[in-house]
Amino acid sequence: MNTAAFHTGYLAIVGRPNVGKSTLLNRLIGAKVSITSRKAQTTRHRIHGVLTTDACQFIFVDTPGFQTQHRNALNRMMNRSITQALAEVDAVLLMVEAGRWGSGEKELISLLPKDRPAVLIVNKIDRLAERDTVLPFIQKAAEEFPFAAVVPISAEKGHNLDELLKVASRFLPEAPPVFGADDITDRSERFLAAEMLREKLFRNLGEELPYGMTVEIEKFEQEGALRRIYAAVVVDKPAHKAIVIGKGGEHLKRISSDARKEMETLFGGKVWLETWVKVKSGWADNERALKSLGYE
């Protein structure tokens, strides 16, 4: 790797919930390091995804969806994560959904730093019923802020991502790589295991369970290629415990099985996963409890 002409930089991916930030990150780096679902609050942590080419290293910072209603300590902590990321990166990738522009997007624009470039990413262009509405939407959005560039994409389909990387590379300063050439994230396997289990909870339980739920890895052991993972599903109320477990334990068994298979794919080895459910009332509105559960 020729570090003399090498470029490395941090790029924050920000946007409202469910615009496709995590889907984009996973597509760009070619692996699943950020969980996805159709529900808001899926991404709760700031995650670095790393893509290294012959000429540069992109360090994408996937942030939680910006919460316009600060209902509890968890939401406030998530918004602080966004503002901190905006203050530390070399450029910002503001992601919006094609055809959707409202007060939430305008509030996010007000947070954009004035001393570094911002690129507007218009996602889900493939879902527009009338494709000729894309250009007027882009023109209207571009009037809201002096964006350095506007790139329409489909993160789900992978459309126009090469152009996005080409544009983003212009904002990377000349610097040696921060991560190894094969690294894809700064997060540990322990963290990724918790996130994969939490994603399966969101996907399998549908609308049955409120968002007062998280995952705590109590023990993570590795014996050669085998990983033994002991995970607690933390819920806010005793009634939620029964929902997660399901009749005869069917919900928790299915969720654990799905999570284990995905862990094995990402980690490249066998996983023995043991899960259980415990109640920790009020955890989402208690900053001390949040920190103990790995929230920053």
Protein backbone atom coordinates (compact mmCIF):
# COMPACT_ATOMS: atom_id res chain seq x y z
CA MET A 1 0.00 0.00 0.00
CA ASN A 2 1.47 3.34 -1.09
CA THR A 3 0.86 5.57 1.92
CA ALA A 4 2.61 8.62 0.38
CA ALA A 5 -0.38 9.40 -1.83
CA PHE A 6 -2.94 7.65 0.34
CA HIS A 7 -6.10 9.37 1.58
CA THR A 8 -8.05 8.49 4.73
CA GLY A 9 -11.05 10.21 6.23
CA TYR A 10 -14.18 9.97 8.35
CA LEU A 11 -17.61 10.38 6.75
CA ALA A 12 -20.72 10.60 8.93
CA ILE A 13 -23.90 9.08 7.51
CA VAL A 14 -26.82 10.96 9.08
CA GLY A 15 -30.54 11.09 8.48
CA ARG A 16 -33.98 10.47 9.88
CA PRO A 17 -34.94 6.97 11.10
CA ASN A 18 -35.57 4.40 8.36
CA VAL A 19 -33.98 6.30 5.47
CA GLY A 20 -31.54 3.43 4.85
CA LYS A 21 -28.31 4.50 6.57
CA SER A 22 -27.39 1.04 7.87
CA THR A 23 -28.34 -0.62 4.59
CA LEU A 24 -26.03 1.79 2.79
CA LEU A 25 -23.14 1.14 5.18
CA ASN A 26 -23.44 -2.62 4.80
CA ARG A 27 -23.59 -2.31 1.01
CA LEU A 28 -20.54 -0.07 0.83
CA ILE A 29 -18.27 -2.28 2.90
CA GLY A 30 -19.68 -5.57 1.63
CA ALA A 31 -20.55 -7.07 5.03
CA LYS A 32 -23.26 -6.73 7.64
CA VAL A 33 -21.90 -4.70 10.55
CA SER A 34 -24.94 -2.50 11.16
CA ILE A 35 -28.32 -4.09 11.83
CA THR A 36 -31.42 -3.20 9.87
CA SER A 37 -35.19 -3.37 10.22
CA ARG A 38 -38.19 -1.32 9.20
CA LYS A 39 -38.60 0.00 12.72
CA ALA A 40 -37.30 3.28 14.09
CA GLN A 41 -34.57 3.11 16.73
CA THR A 42 -32.99 0.04 15.13
CA THR A 43 -29.57 1.69 15.10
CA ARG A 44 -28.79 2.96 18.60
CA HIS A 45 -25.00 3.16 18.52
CA ARG A 46 -22.41 4.97 16.48
CA ILE A 47 -20.65 2.35 14.33
CA HIS A 48 -17.61 2.70 12.10
CA GLY A 49 -17.63 0.77 8.83
CA VAL A 50 -14.30 0.62 7.00
CA LEU A 51 -13.72 0.33 3.25
CA THR A 52 -10.12 0.28 2.02
CA THR A 53 -9.12 0.58 -1.63
CA ASP A 54 -5.72 0.92 -3.29
CA ALA A 55 -5.92 4.72 -3.04
CA CYS A 56 -7.89 5.50 0.10
CA GLN A 57 -9.61 4.36 3.24
CA PHE A 58 -13.22 5.41 3.87
CA ILE A 59 -14.26 5.32 7.52
CA PHE A 60 -18.03 5.61 7.47
CA VAL A 61 -19.70 6.59 10.74
CA ASP A 62 -23.20 5.12 10.90
CA THR A 63 -25.28 7.11 13.37
CA PRO A 64 -28.69 6.53 14.96
CA GLY A 65 -31.67 8.10 13.23
CA PHE A 66 -32.20 11.65 14.44
CA GLN A 67 -35.01 11.73 17.00
CA THR A 68 -37.24 14.81 16.85
CA GLN A 69 -39.04 13.87 20.06
CA HIS A 70 -36.67 13.54 23.03
CA ARG A 71 -38.87 11.16 24.99
CA ASN A 72 -36.27 9.51 27.19
CA ALA A 73 -32.59 9.29 28.06
CA LEU A 74 -31.96 6.79 25.29
CA ASN A 75 -33.26 9.17 22.60
CA ARG A 76 -31.26 12.07 24.04
CA MET A 77 -28.14 9.93 24.11
CA MET A 78 -28.69 8.89 20.49
CA ASN A 79 -29.00 12.52 19.37
CA ARG A 80 -25.83 13.43 21.25
CA SER A 81 -24.08 10.68 19.32
CA ILE A 82 -25.11 12.37 16.07
CA THR A 83 -23.95 15.86 17.05
CA GLN A 84 -20.65 14.47 18.30
CA ALA A 85 -20.09 12.61 15.02
CA LEU A 86 -20.80 15.78 13.03
CA ALA A 87 -18.12 17.62 15.00
CA GLU A 88 -15.43 14.99 14.37
CA VAL A 89 -15.68 13.95 10.72
CA ASP A 90 -14.13 15.25 7.50
CA ALA A 91 -17.43 15.35 5.61
CA VAL A 92 -21.11 14.59 6.18
CA LEU A 93 -23.36 12.39 4.07
CA LEU A 94 -26.93 13.54 4.73
CA MET A 95 -29.32 10.83 3.62
CA VAL A 96 -32.96 11.53 2.78
CA GLU A 97 -35.71 9.47 1.23
CA ALA A 98 -36.70 10.45 -2.30
CA GLY A 99 -39.97 12.37 -2.26
CA ARG A 100 -39.94 12.91 1.50
CA TRP A 101 -38.92 16.31 2.84
CA GLY A 102 -40.30 17.77 6.05
CA SER A 103 -39.51 19.44 9.34
CA GLY A 104 -37.28 16.58 10.45
CA GLU A 105 -34.99 16.98 7.45
CA LYS A 106 -34.87 20.74 7.96
CA GLU A 107 -33.97 20.26 11.62
CA LEU A 108 -31.10 17.98 10.63
CA ILE A 109 -29.84 20.53 8.10
CA SER A 110 -29.67 23.11 10.89
CA LEU A 111 -27.16 20.83 12.66
CA LEU A 112 -24.84 20.44 9.67
CA PRO A 113 -21.40 21.98 10.28
CA LYS A 114 -20.62 25.03 8.19
CA ASP A 115 -16.88 24.38 8.11
CA ARG A 116 -16.86 21.05 6.25
CA PRO A 117 -18.54 19.67 3.12
CA ALA A 118 -21.90 17.95 3.15
CA VAL A 119 -23.17 15.62 0.44
CA LEU A 120 -26.90 15.06 -0.02
CA ILE A 121 -27.75 11.40 -0.67
CA VAL A 122 -31.23 10.86 -2.08
CA ASN A 123 -32.09 7.23 -1.34
CA LYS A 124 -34.86 4.89 -2.52
CA ILE A 125 -35.11 6.43 -5.98
CA ASP A 126 -36.17 3.00 -7.25
CA ARG A 127 -39.37 3.22 -5.19
CA LEU A 128 -40.69 6.39 -6.79
CA ALA A 129 -43.77 5.69 -8.90
CA GLU A 130 -42.87 8.55 -11.23
CA ARG A 131 -39.14 8.79 -11.96
CA ASP A 132 -39.46 12.26 -13.46
CA THR A 133 -40.12 13.62 -9.96
CA VAL A 134 -36.54 12.86 -8.84
CA LEU A 135 -34.94 15.94 -10.41
CA PRO A 136 -37.49 18.48 -9.05
CA PHE A 137 -37.12 16.91 -5.59
CA ILE A 138 -33.32 17.17 -5.77
CA GLN A 139 -33.54 20.78 -6.91
CA LYS A 140 -35.87 21.67 -4.06
CA ALA A 141 -33.69 19.93 -1.46
CA ALA A 142 -30.52 21.55 -2.83
CA GLU A 143 -32.04 24.98 -2.15
CA GLU A 144 -32.06 24.26 1.58
CA PHE A 145 -28.26 24.05 2.00
CA PRO A 146 -25.08 24.61 -0.07
CA PHE A 147 -24.37 20.91 -0.55
CA ALA A 148 -21.00 20.04 -2.09
CA ALA A 149 -22.75 17.40 -4.21
CA VAL A 150 -26.05 15.56 -4.60
CA VAL A 151 -26.07 11.83 -5.37
CA PRO A 152 -29.29 9.86 -6.02
CA ILE A 153 -28.97 6.17 -5.07
CA SER A 154 -30.75 2.98 -4.12
CA ALA A 155 -28.91 1.50 -1.13
CA GLU A 156 -31.07 -1.62 -1.22
CA LYS A 157 -30.39 -2.30 -4.91
CA GLY A 158 -26.83 -0.99 -4.87
CA HIS A 159 -27.53 1.56 -7.61
CA ASN A 160 -25.07 4.43 -8.14
CA LEU A 161 -22.86 3.57 -5.14
CA ASP A 162 -19.72 3.78 -7.28
CA GLU A 163 -20.58 7.40 -8.01
CA LEU A 164 -21.15 8.04 -4.31
CA LEU A 165 -17.69 6.67 -3.47
CA LYS A 166 -16.14 8.73 -6.24
CA VAL A 167 -17.73 11.89 -4.83
CA ALA A 168 -16.91 11.00 -1.21
CA SER A 169 -13.25 10.34 -2.03
CA ARG A 170 -12.80 14.02 -2.89
CA PHE A 171 -13.19 14.93 0.77
CA LEU A 172 -10.68 12.51 2.25
CA PRO A 173 -7.48 14.23 3.42
CA GLU A 174 -4.08 12.83 2.52
CA ALA A 175 -3.20 10.53 5.40
CA PRO A 176 -2.10 6.95 6.09
CA PRO A 177 -4.76 4.33 6.84
CA VAL A 178 -6.13 4.11 10.37
CA PHE A 179 -7.31 0.50 10.09
CA GLY A 180 -5.82 -2.60 8.52
CA ALA A 181 -6.61 -3.38 4.89
CA ASP A 182 -8.94 -6.26 5.88
CA ASP A 183 -10.72 -4.49 8.77
CA ILE A 184 -14.40 -3.73 8.19
CA THR A 185 -15.41 -2.17 11.53
CA ASP A 186 -14.06 -0.82 14.79
CA ARG A 187 -16.60 -2.80 16.79
CA SER A 188 -15.81 -6.04 18.62
CA GLU A 189 -17.43 -9.40 17.94
CA ARG A 190 -19.04 -9.13 21.36
CA PHE A 191 -20.80 -5.91 20.29
CA LEU A 192 -21.78 -7.34 16.89
CA ALA A 193 -23.26 -10.42 18.56
CA ALA A 194 -25.50 -8.25 20.74
CA GLU A 195 -26.63 -6.23 17.74
CA MET A 196 -27.46 -9.31 15.66
CA LEU A 197 -29.58 -10.73 18.45
CA ARG A 198 -31.34 -7.39 18.92
CA GLU A 199 -32.10 -7.22 15.20
CA LYS A 200 -33.73 -10.65 15.28
CA LEU A 201 -35.83 -9.56 18.25
CA PHE A 202 -37.06 -6.53 16.29
CA ARG A 203 -37.76 -8.56 13.16
CA ASN A 204 -39.43 -11.59 14.76
CA LEU A 205 -41.58 -9.89 17.38
CA GLY A 206 -43.23 -7.47 14.97
CA GLU A 207 -45.27 -4.85 16.76
CA GLU A 208 -45.88 -6.99 19.83
CA LEU A 209 -43.10 -5.49 21.91
CA PRO A 210 -42.34 -1.81 22.59
CA TYR A 211 -38.82 -0.46 22.23
CA GLY A 212 -38.03 -0.94 25.92
CA MET A 213 -35.78 -3.85 24.99
CA THR A 214 -32.03 -4.32 24.51
CA VAL A 215 -29.37 -7.06 24.63
CA GLU A 216 -26.53 -7.53 27.09
CA ILE A 217 -23.72 -10.01 26.39
CA GLU A 218 -22.78 -11.31 29.82
CA LYS A 219 -20.03 -13.66 28.66
CA PHE A 220 -18.17 -14.12 25.36
CA GLU A 221 -15.65 -16.97 25.15
CA GLN A 222 -13.65 -18.25 22.20
CA GLU A 223 -12.17 -21.72 21.94
CA GLY A 224 -10.41 -21.99 18.60
CA ALA A 225 -13.05 -21.37 15.95
CA LEU A 226 -15.91 -21.92 18.43
CA ARG A 227 -17.51 -18.95 20.17
CA ARG A 228 -19.62 -19.44 23.31
CA ILE A 229 -21.94 -16.49 23.81
CA TYR A 230 -24.20 -15.92 26.82
CA ALA A 231 -26.75 -13.18 26.12
CA ALA A 232 -29.49 -11.59 28.21
CA VAL A 233 -32.46 -9.93 26.55
CA VAL A 234 -33.30 -6.96 28.78
CA VAL A 235 -36.93 -5.82 28.87
CA ASP A 236 -38.62 -3.00 30.71
CA LYS A 237 -41.62 -4.80 32.21
CA PRO A 238 -42.40 -8.33 33.47
CA ALA A 239 -45.24 -8.67 30.94
CA HIS A 240 -42.73 -8.16 28.11
CA LYS A 241 -40.70 -11.15 29.27
CA ALA A 242 -43.49 -13.57 28.37
CA ILE A 243 -43.84 -11.98 24.92
CA VAL A 244 -40.15 -12.43 24.14
CA ILE A 245 -40.11 -16.05 25.36
CA GLY A 246 -43.35 -17.03 23.63
CA LYS A 247 -45.51 -20.11 24.21
CA GLY A 248 -43.25 -22.99 25.16
CA GLY A 249 -40.25 -20.77 24.49
CA GLU A 250 -40.92 -20.77 20.73
CA HIS A 251 -40.19 -17.07 20.17
CA LEU A 252 -36.86 -17.04 21.95
CA LYS A 253 -35.79 -20.33 20.34
CA ARG A 254 -36.49 -19.04 16.82
CA ILE A 255 -34.87 -15.67 17.50
CA SER A 256 -31.76 -17.29 19.00
CA SER A 257 -31.46 -19.74 16.10
CA ASP A 258 -31.69 -16.96 13.49
CA ALA A 259 -29.14 -14.83 15.35
CA ARG A 260 -26.73 -17.75 15.80
CA LYS A 261 -26.74 -18.55 12.07
CA GLU A 262 -25.98 -14.94 11.17
CA MET A 263 -23.18 -14.75 13.75
CA GLU A 264 -21.61 -17.88 12.26
CA THR A 265 -21.66 -16.31 8.81
CA LEU A 266 -19.99 -13.09 9.93
CA PHE A 267 -17.53 -14.64 12.40
CA GLY A 268 -16.58 -17.53 10.12
CA GLY A 269 -16.96 -20.24 12.76
CA LYS A 270 -19.38 -22.19 14.93
CA VAL A 271 -21.35 -20.31 17.61
CA TRP A 272 -22.93 -21.76 20.75
CA LEU A 273 -25.52 -19.22 21.88
CA GLU A 274 -27.42 -19.27 25.16
CA THR A 275 -30.09 -16.63 25.70
CA TRP A 276 -32.48 -15.72 28.48
CA VAL A 277 -34.70 -12.77 29.41
CA LYS A 278 -34.43 -10.48 32.42
CA VAL A 279 -36.39 -7.43 33.57
CA LYS A 280 -34.67 -4.11 34.26
CA SER A 281 -37.43 -1.53 34.73
CA GLY A 282 -36.81 1.97 33.44
CA TRP A 283 -33.46 1.17 31.78
CA ALA A 284 -34.16 3.34 28.72
CA ASP A 285 -34.63 6.48 30.84
CA ASN A 286 -31.71 5.93 33.21
CA GLU A 287 -28.32 7.18 31.98
CA ARG A 288 -26.42 5.06 34.49
CA ALA A 289 -28.26 1.93 33.35
CA LEU A 290 -27.66 2.87 29.71
CA LYS A 291 -23.91 3.15 30.26
CA SER A 292 -23.84 -0.19 32.02
CA LEU A 293 -25.55 -1.69 28.97
CA GLY A 294 -22.92 -0.27 26.61
CA TYR A 295 -24.65 2.91 25.45
CA GLU A 296 -22.50 6.01 25.15
